Structures are given as C-alpha cells and as structure tokens.
Amino acid sequence: MHLYFADTWYFLAILDRRDGHHSRARRLSFTIPDAAIVTHDAVLSEVLTHFADDGPYSRAVAVNATRHALRAFEVIPSDRAHFLAALDRYAARPDKEYSLVDCMSMVVMEQRGIRHVLTNDHHFSQAGFIIVSG
C-alpha cells in the first residue's frame, strides 16, 4: 500500500466546492482509493480554522470531515518533540516561506518515510517531496 501525506490543501479543496482546486482534489481522491493517508493534528486544526468564519453549516462540515479523518486516516498527534523538531526546521530555513505547520508536516513525512504529499504547495517540492495534486 502506498503512503501519502494529506496537507491542508487537500482537505480544503475536497470540502469547499467553491475552491478552484475542488475538482482536481476530488479526482485525486478517486485515483488513490487504496492508499494509506497520513496527516497530523495541526493540519486538521488549519482546516477547522479556515472554516471558522464561514457560518454554522461550513463549520459543521469541517467538524464532520475532521471526525472522518480521525477514523479513516492515520492522524499523528502533536507533541512537544514534534513541535520542537518542526521549530528547529522552521528556524534553520529563514530563506524559505515554510509555515510551522509545513515544517511539522515535513518532520512527520521524514519520520514515516513518506515521499508523496497531497498538496499544491511548492514548499514541499523545495524540500524534496513529490507533490501529488491531481
């Protein structure tokens, strides 16, 4: 089974029909049905934050999607060691525009040996990962 890391882009594009990448993300989800998907708590936190101001319906959709992800995917819990490793990566790359959550994702991917990431974020290719965006 092939391992993929799901970045915030993937969840946002799947959930928001108004998102310009919605069709691509949906197609992508059908091309990797047997894949094992890994993400982490901070990605899901970004998803929930994105929909926080979109009203009760959007918030409910985001909550349900988060609950589904917790059941269907491997969701790595954030802990102090994970946070500090990401913080070190973030501090060591001041020339990059990586977010701390991107750094957390990269740390998880390296720890798990995951090379493929469901995203359109070029920061992952800068770090040597393979972007899969449909």
N, C-alpha and C. Protein backbone atom coordinates (compact mmCIF):
# COMPACT_ATOMS: atom_id res chain seq x y z
N MET A 1 0.85 -1.18 0.00
CA MET A 1 0.00 0.00 0.00
C MET A 1 0.89 1.24 0.00
N HIS A 2 0.54 2.19 -0.83
CA HIS A 2 1.33 3.41 -0.96
C HIS A 2 0.90 4.43 0.10
N LEU A 3 1.88 5.07 0.71
CA LEU A 3 1.60 6.08 1.74
C LEU A 3 1.61 7.48 1.12
N TYR A 4 0.61 8.27 1.49
CA TYR A 4 0.53 9.67 1.09
C TYR A 4 0.32 10.51 2.33
N PHE A 5 0.89 11.70 2.31
CA PHE A 5 0.62 12.67 3.37
C PHE A 5 -0.42 13.65 2.85
N ALA A 6 -1.47 13.90 3.63
CA ALA A 6 -2.52 14.85 3.25
C ALA A 6 -2.25 16.20 3.91
N ASP A 7 -1.98 17.19 3.09
CA ASP A 7 -1.76 18.56 3.54
C ASP A 7 -3.10 19.29 3.63
N THR A 8 -3.09 20.43 4.23
CA THR A 8 -4.30 21.24 4.39
C THR A 8 -4.99 21.48 3.06
N TRP A 9 -4.22 21.73 2.01
CA TRP A 9 -4.78 21.98 0.67
C TRP A 9 -5.77 20.89 0.29
N TYR A 10 -5.40 19.64 0.51
CA TYR A 10 -6.24 18.52 0.11
C TYR A 10 -7.61 18.59 0.79
N PHE A 11 -7.60 18.78 2.09
CA PHE A 11 -8.87 18.84 2.83
C PHE A 11 -9.71 20.05 2.41
N LEU A 12 -9.08 21.21 2.28
CA LEU A 12 -9.83 22.41 1.90
C LEU A 12 -10.44 22.26 0.51
N ALA A 13 -9.65 21.74 -0.42
CA ALA A 13 -10.14 21.59 -1.79
C ALA A 13 -11.26 20.56 -1.87
N ILE A 14 -11.17 19.50 -1.11
CA ILE A 14 -12.23 18.48 -1.11
C ILE A 14 -13.52 19.06 -0.51
N LEU A 15 -13.40 19.80 0.58
CA LEU A 15 -14.57 20.25 1.33
C LEU A 15 -15.28 21.46 0.73
N ASP A 16 -14.55 22.33 0.07
CA ASP A 16 -15.12 23.59 -0.40
C ASP A 16 -15.38 23.53 -1.90
N ARG A 17 -16.62 23.40 -2.28
CA ARG A 17 -16.98 23.31 -3.70
C ARG A 17 -16.64 24.57 -4.47
N ARG A 18 -16.47 25.68 -3.75
CA ARG A 18 -16.10 26.95 -4.39
C ARG A 18 -14.60 27.06 -4.63
N ASP A 19 -13.85 26.18 -4.02
CA ASP A 19 -12.39 26.18 -4.16
C ASP A 19 -12.02 25.86 -5.61
N GLY A 20 -11.12 26.62 -6.17
CA GLY A 20 -10.69 26.40 -7.55
C GLY A 20 -10.04 25.05 -7.80
N HIS A 21 -9.64 24.37 -6.76
CA HIS A 21 -8.98 23.06 -6.88
C HIS A 21 -9.91 21.91 -6.50
N HIS A 22 -11.18 22.21 -6.27
CA HIS A 22 -12.12 21.18 -5.80
C HIS A 22 -12.18 19.98 -6.75
N SER A 23 -12.35 20.21 -8.04
CA SER A 23 -12.45 19.11 -9.00
C SER A 23 -11.18 18.28 -9.04
N ARG A 24 -10.03 18.94 -9.03
CA ARG A 24 -8.75 18.22 -9.02
C ARG A 24 -8.62 17.35 -7.79
N ALA A 25 -8.96 17.89 -6.64
CA ALA A 25 -8.83 17.13 -5.40
C ALA A 25 -9.79 15.94 -5.38
N ARG A 26 -10.99 16.13 -5.87
CA ARG A 26 -11.95 15.01 -5.93
C ARG A 26 -11.45 13.92 -6.87
N ARG A 27 -10.95 14.32 -8.05
CA ARG A 27 -10.38 13.35 -8.99
C ARG A 27 -9.24 12.59 -8.33
N LEU A 28 -8.42 13.33 -7.62
CA LEU A 28 -7.28 12.73 -6.93
C LEU A 28 -7.74 11.69 -5.92
N SER A 29 -8.79 11.99 -5.18
CA SER A 29 -9.27 11.05 -4.17
C SER A 29 -9.75 9.75 -4.80
N PHE A 30 -10.20 9.80 -6.05
CA PHE A 30 -10.63 8.58 -6.74
C PHE A 30 -9.48 7.82 -7.37
N THR A 31 -8.34 8.48 -7.59
CA THR A 31 -7.20 7.79 -8.20
C THR A 31 -6.31 7.10 -7.17
N ILE A 32 -6.53 7.39 -5.89
CA ILE A 32 -5.71 6.76 -4.84
C ILE A 32 -6.58 6.08 -3.77
N PRO A 33 -7.61 5.35 -4.18
CA PRO A 33 -8.56 4.82 -3.19
C PRO A 33 -7.95 3.82 -2.21
N ASP A 34 -6.92 3.11 -2.60
CA ASP A 34 -6.33 2.10 -1.73
C ASP A 34 -5.10 2.60 -0.98
N ALA A 35 -4.84 3.88 -1.08
CA ALA A 35 -3.66 4.45 -0.43
C ALA A 35 -3.90 4.62 1.07
N ALA A 36 -2.82 4.57 1.80
CA ALA A 36 -2.87 4.91 3.23
C ALA A 36 -2.56 6.40 3.34
N ILE A 37 -3.43 7.12 4.01
CA ILE A 37 -3.29 8.57 4.15
C ILE A 37 -2.85 8.89 5.56
N VAL A 38 -1.83 9.73 5.67
CA VAL A 38 -1.31 10.18 6.95
C VAL A 38 -1.41 11.70 6.99
N THR A 39 -1.75 12.25 8.13
CA THR A 39 -1.72 13.69 8.36
C THR A 39 -1.42 13.89 9.84
N HIS A 40 -1.56 15.11 10.34
CA HIS A 40 -1.34 15.35 11.77
C HIS A 40 -2.33 16.39 12.28
N ASP A 41 -2.38 16.48 13.59
CA ASP A 41 -3.35 17.35 14.27
C ASP A 41 -3.32 18.80 13.77
N ALA A 42 -2.14 19.33 13.53
CA ALA A 42 -2.05 20.74 13.15
C ALA A 42 -2.67 21.00 11.77
N VAL A 43 -2.59 20.03 10.87
CA VAL A 43 -3.25 20.17 9.57
C VAL A 43 -4.76 20.26 9.78
N LEU A 44 -5.29 19.37 10.59
CA LEU A 44 -6.74 19.40 10.85
C LEU A 44 -7.14 20.69 11.57
N SER A 45 -6.27 21.20 12.41
CA SER A 45 -6.52 22.48 13.07
C SER A 45 -6.61 23.61 12.04
N GLU A 46 -5.72 23.58 11.05
CA GLU A 46 -5.78 24.60 9.98
C GLU A 46 -7.08 24.50 9.20
N VAL A 47 -7.54 23.29 8.95
CA VAL A 47 -8.80 23.10 8.23
C VAL A 47 -9.95 23.71 9.02
N LEU A 48 -10.01 23.40 10.29
CA LEU A 48 -11.08 23.96 11.13
C LEU A 48 -11.00 25.48 11.21
N THR A 49 -9.80 26.01 11.32
CA THR A 49 -9.62 27.46 11.37
C THR A 49 -10.09 28.12 10.08
N HIS A 50 -9.80 27.49 8.96
CA HIS A 50 -10.21 28.04 7.66
C HIS A 50 -11.72 28.26 7.59
N PHE A 51 -12.48 27.33 8.15
CA PHE A 51 -13.94 27.41 8.05
C PHE A 51 -14.60 28.11 9.25
N ALA A 52 -13.81 28.60 10.17
CA ALA A 52 -14.35 29.18 11.41
C ALA A 52 -15.30 30.35 11.18
N ASP A 53 -15.04 31.16 10.18
CA ASP A 53 -15.87 32.35 9.92
C ASP A 53 -16.90 32.15 8.82
N ASP A 54 -17.04 30.92 8.33
CA ASP A 54 -17.93 30.68 7.19
C ASP A 54 -19.36 30.31 7.58
N GLY A 55 -19.67 30.41 8.85
CA GLY A 55 -21.03 30.13 9.29
C GLY A 55 -21.21 28.72 9.81
N PRO A 56 -22.35 28.47 10.44
CA PRO A 56 -22.60 27.19 11.11
C PRO A 56 -22.53 25.96 10.18
N TYR A 57 -23.06 26.09 8.97
CA TYR A 57 -23.05 24.94 8.07
C TYR A 57 -21.61 24.54 7.72
N SER A 58 -20.79 25.50 7.31
CA SER A 58 -19.40 25.22 6.94
C SER A 58 -18.61 24.67 8.12
N ARG A 59 -18.87 25.24 9.29
CA ARG A 59 -18.19 24.72 10.49
C ARG A 59 -18.58 23.27 10.74
N ALA A 60 -19.85 22.95 10.58
CA ALA A 60 -20.31 21.58 10.80
C ALA A 60 -19.68 20.63 9.78
N VAL A 61 -19.58 21.07 8.53
CA VAL A 61 -18.93 20.26 7.50
C VAL A 61 -17.48 20.00 7.89
N ALA A 62 -16.78 21.03 8.34
CA ALA A 62 -15.37 20.89 8.73
C ALA A 62 -15.22 19.96 9.93
N VAL A 63 -16.11 20.09 10.90
CA VAL A 63 -16.06 19.20 12.08
C VAL A 63 -16.29 17.76 11.66
N ASN A 64 -17.30 17.53 10.82
CA ASN A 64 -17.57 16.16 10.36
C ASN A 64 -16.41 15.59 9.56
N ALA A 65 -15.81 16.41 8.72
CA ALA A 65 -14.65 15.96 7.93
C ALA A 65 -13.47 15.64 8.84
N THR A 66 -13.29 16.42 9.88
CA THR A 66 -12.21 16.16 10.83
C THR A 66 -12.46 14.86 11.57
N ARG A 67 -13.68 14.65 12.01
CA ARG A 67 -14.01 13.38 12.68
C ARG A 67 -13.81 12.20 11.75
N HIS A 68 -14.17 12.36 10.48
CA HIS A 68 -13.96 11.31 9.49
C HIS A 68 -12.47 11.03 9.32
N ALA A 69 -11.68 12.09 9.20
CA ALA A 69 -10.23 11.92 9.04
C ALA A 69 -9.63 11.18 10.22
N LEU A 70 -10.10 11.47 11.41
CA LEU A 70 -9.59 10.79 12.60
C LEU A 70 -9.89 9.29 12.58
N ARG A 71 -10.99 8.90 11.93
CA ARG A 71 -11.34 7.48 11.81
C ARG A 71 -10.67 6.81 10.61
N ALA A 72 -10.62 7.52 9.48
CA ALA A 72 -10.22 6.90 8.22
C ALA A 72 -8.73 6.98 7.92
N PHE A 73 -8.05 7.96 8.48
CA PHE A 73 -6.64 8.18 8.19
C PHE A 73 -5.81 7.99 9.45
N GLU A 74 -4.51 7.89 9.25
CA GLU A 74 -3.62 7.91 10.41
C GLU A 74 -3.32 9.38 10.72
N VAL A 75 -3.79 9.83 11.86
CA VAL A 75 -3.59 11.23 12.26
C VAL A 75 -2.59 11.23 13.41
N ILE A 76 -1.43 11.79 13.14
CA ILE A 76 -0.36 11.83 14.12
C ILE A 76 -0.67 12.94 15.14
N PRO A 77 -0.70 12.58 16.42
CA PRO A 77 -0.91 13.63 17.42
C PRO A 77 0.34 14.49 17.58
N SER A 78 0.13 15.75 17.77
CA SER A 78 1.26 16.64 18.01
C SER A 78 1.71 16.53 19.45
N ASP A 79 3.00 16.52 19.64
CA ASP A 79 3.55 16.51 20.99
C ASP A 79 4.74 17.47 21.03
N ARG A 80 5.32 17.61 22.19
CA ARG A 80 6.41 18.60 22.34
C ARG A 80 7.60 18.27 21.44
N ALA A 81 7.98 17.01 21.34
CA ALA A 81 9.12 16.63 20.50
C ALA A 81 8.85 16.97 19.03
N HIS A 82 7.65 16.70 18.58
CA HIS A 82 7.26 17.01 17.20
C HIS A 82 7.30 18.52 16.98
N PHE A 83 6.75 19.26 17.91
CA PHE A 83 6.74 20.72 17.80
C PHE A 83 8.16 21.27 17.76
N LEU A 84 9.04 20.78 18.64
CA LEU A 84 10.41 21.29 18.69
C LEU A 84 11.20 20.93 17.44
N ALA A 85 10.98 19.73 16.89
CA ALA A 85 11.65 19.35 15.64
C ALA A 85 11.20 20.27 14.51
N ALA A 86 9.91 20.57 14.46
CA ALA A 86 9.40 21.48 13.44
C ALA A 86 9.93 22.90 13.65
N LEU A 87 10.00 23.32 14.90
CA LEU A 87 10.53 24.64 15.21
C LEU A 87 11.99 24.76 14.77
N ASP A 88 12.76 23.71 14.98
CA ASP A 88 14.17 23.70 14.53
C ASP A 88 14.25 23.84 13.01
N ARG A 89 13.40 23.11 12.30
CA ARG A 89 13.39 23.19 10.83
C ARG A 89 13.00 24.61 10.40
N TYR A 90 11.98 25.14 11.03
CA TYR A 90 11.49 26.49 10.73
C TYR A 90 12.61 27.52 10.93
N ALA A 91 13.32 27.42 12.05
CA ALA A 91 14.40 28.37 12.36
C ALA A 91 15.60 28.21 11.44
N ALA A 92 15.84 26.99 10.99
CA ALA A 92 17.02 26.71 10.16
C ALA A 92 16.83 27.13 8.70
N ARG A 93 15.63 27.49 8.31
CA ARG A 93 15.36 27.83 6.92
C ARG A 93 14.72 29.22 6.78
N PRO A 94 15.41 30.26 7.24
CA PRO A 94 14.82 31.60 7.16
C PRO A 94 14.65 32.10 5.72
N ASP A 95 15.33 31.46 4.77
CA ASP A 95 15.21 31.85 3.36
C ASP A 95 13.97 31.26 2.70
N LYS A 96 13.30 30.34 3.38
CA LYS A 96 12.09 29.72 2.84
C LYS A 96 10.86 30.35 3.49
N GLU A 97 9.73 30.20 2.85
CA GLU A 97 8.48 30.72 3.39
C GLU A 97 7.64 29.61 3.98
N TYR A 98 8.30 28.57 4.50
CA TYR A 98 7.58 27.46 5.12
C TYR A 98 6.83 27.97 6.35
N SER A 99 5.60 27.49 6.52
CA SER A 99 4.90 27.76 7.77
C SER A 99 5.36 26.73 8.79
N LEU A 100 5.06 26.97 10.05
CA LEU A 100 5.40 26.00 11.08
C LEU A 100 4.65 24.69 10.83
N VAL A 101 3.41 24.78 10.38
CA VAL A 101 2.64 23.56 10.09
C VAL A 101 3.28 22.80 8.93
N ASP A 102 3.77 23.51 7.90
CA ASP A 102 4.51 22.84 6.83
C ASP A 102 5.71 22.09 7.40
N CYS A 103 6.43 22.74 8.29
CA CYS A 103 7.60 22.10 8.91
C CYS A 103 7.20 20.88 9.73
N MET A 104 6.08 20.97 10.44
CA MET A 104 5.58 19.81 11.18
C MET A 104 5.26 18.67 10.22
N SER A 105 4.65 19.01 9.10
CA SER A 105 4.31 18.00 8.10
C SER A 105 5.57 17.35 7.54
N MET A 106 6.56 18.14 7.23
CA MET A 106 7.82 17.61 6.69
C MET A 106 8.51 16.69 7.69
N VAL A 107 8.47 17.05 8.96
CA VAL A 107 9.06 16.21 10.00
C VAL A 107 8.33 14.86 10.05
N VAL A 108 7.00 14.89 10.04
CA VAL A 108 6.21 13.65 10.06
C VAL A 108 6.55 12.81 8.83
N MET A 109 6.60 13.45 7.67
CA MET A 109 6.88 12.72 6.43
C MET A 109 8.26 12.06 6.49
N GLU A 110 9.24 12.78 6.97
CA GLU A 110 10.59 12.21 7.07
C GLU A 110 10.62 11.05 8.07
N GLN A 111 9.96 11.22 9.21
CA GLN A 111 9.94 10.17 10.23
C GLN A 111 9.26 8.91 9.71
N ARG A 112 8.24 9.07 8.88
CA ARG A 112 7.47 7.93 8.37
C ARG A 112 7.96 7.43 7.01
N GLY A 113 8.93 8.11 6.44
CA GLY A 113 9.43 7.71 5.12
C GLY A 113 8.43 7.97 4.00
N ILE A 114 7.62 8.99 4.16
CA ILE A 114 6.60 9.33 3.15
C ILE A 114 7.20 10.33 2.17
N ARG A 115 7.12 10.02 0.89
CA ARG A 115 7.69 10.89 -0.15
C ARG A 115 6.61 11.70 -0.88
N HIS A 116 5.37 11.19 -0.92
CA HIS A 116 4.30 11.80 -1.70
C HIS A 116 3.35 12.60 -0.80
N VAL A 117 3.03 13.80 -1.25
CA VAL A 117 2.16 14.67 -0.45
C VAL A 117 1.02 15.19 -1.33
N LEU A 118 -0.19 15.09 -0.79
CA LEU A 118 -1.38 15.58 -1.49
C LEU A 118 -1.49 17.07 -1.19
N THR A 119 -0.99 17.87 -2.14
CA THR A 119 -0.94 19.32 -1.95
C THR A 119 -0.67 20.00 -3.28
N ASN A 120 -0.77 21.30 -3.30
CA ASN A 120 -0.27 22.09 -4.42
C ASN A 120 0.77 23.09 -3.91
N ASP A 121 1.22 22.90 -2.69
CA ASP A 121 2.17 23.81 -2.03
C ASP A 121 3.60 23.49 -2.48
N HIS A 122 4.19 24.40 -3.24
CA HIS A 122 5.53 24.19 -3.79
C HIS A 122 6.62 24.06 -2.72
N HIS A 123 6.33 24.46 -1.50
CA HIS A 123 7.32 24.33 -0.43
C HIS A 123 7.72 22.87 -0.22
N PHE A 124 6.80 21.97 -0.46
CA PHE A 124 7.11 20.56 -0.28
C PHE A 124 8.09 20.07 -1.35
N SER A 125 7.93 20.54 -2.58
CA SER A 125 8.90 20.14 -3.61
C SER A 125 10.26 20.79 -3.34
N GLN A 126 10.28 21.99 -2.79
CA GLN A 126 11.54 22.62 -2.40
C GLN A 126 12.28 21.76 -1.38
N ALA A 127 11.52 21.08 -0.54
CA ALA A 127 12.11 20.25 0.50
C ALA A 127 12.39 18.82 0.01
N GLY A 128 12.13 18.54 -1.26
CA GLY A 128 12.48 17.24 -1.83
C GLY A 128 11.36 16.22 -1.86
N PHE A 129 10.13 16.63 -1.56
CA PHE A 129 9.00 15.71 -1.58
C PHE A 129 8.31 15.77 -2.94
N ILE A 130 7.51 14.79 -3.23
CA ILE A 130 6.82 14.69 -4.52
C ILE A 130 5.38 15.15 -4.32
N ILE A 131 5.01 16.21 -5.02
CA ILE A 131 3.66 16.76 -4.93
C ILE A 131 2.72 15.95 -5.81
N VAL A 132 1.60 15.57 -5.24
CA VAL A 132 0.55 14.87 -5.98
C VAL A 132 -0.70 15.75 -5.83
N SER A 133 -1.10 16.39 -6.93
CA SER A 133 -2.24 17.31 -6.81
C SER A 133 -3.30 17.09 -7.88
N GLY A 134 -3.30 15.94 -8.47
CA GLY A 134 -4.38 15.62 -9.41
C GLY A 134 -4.09 15.91 -10.83
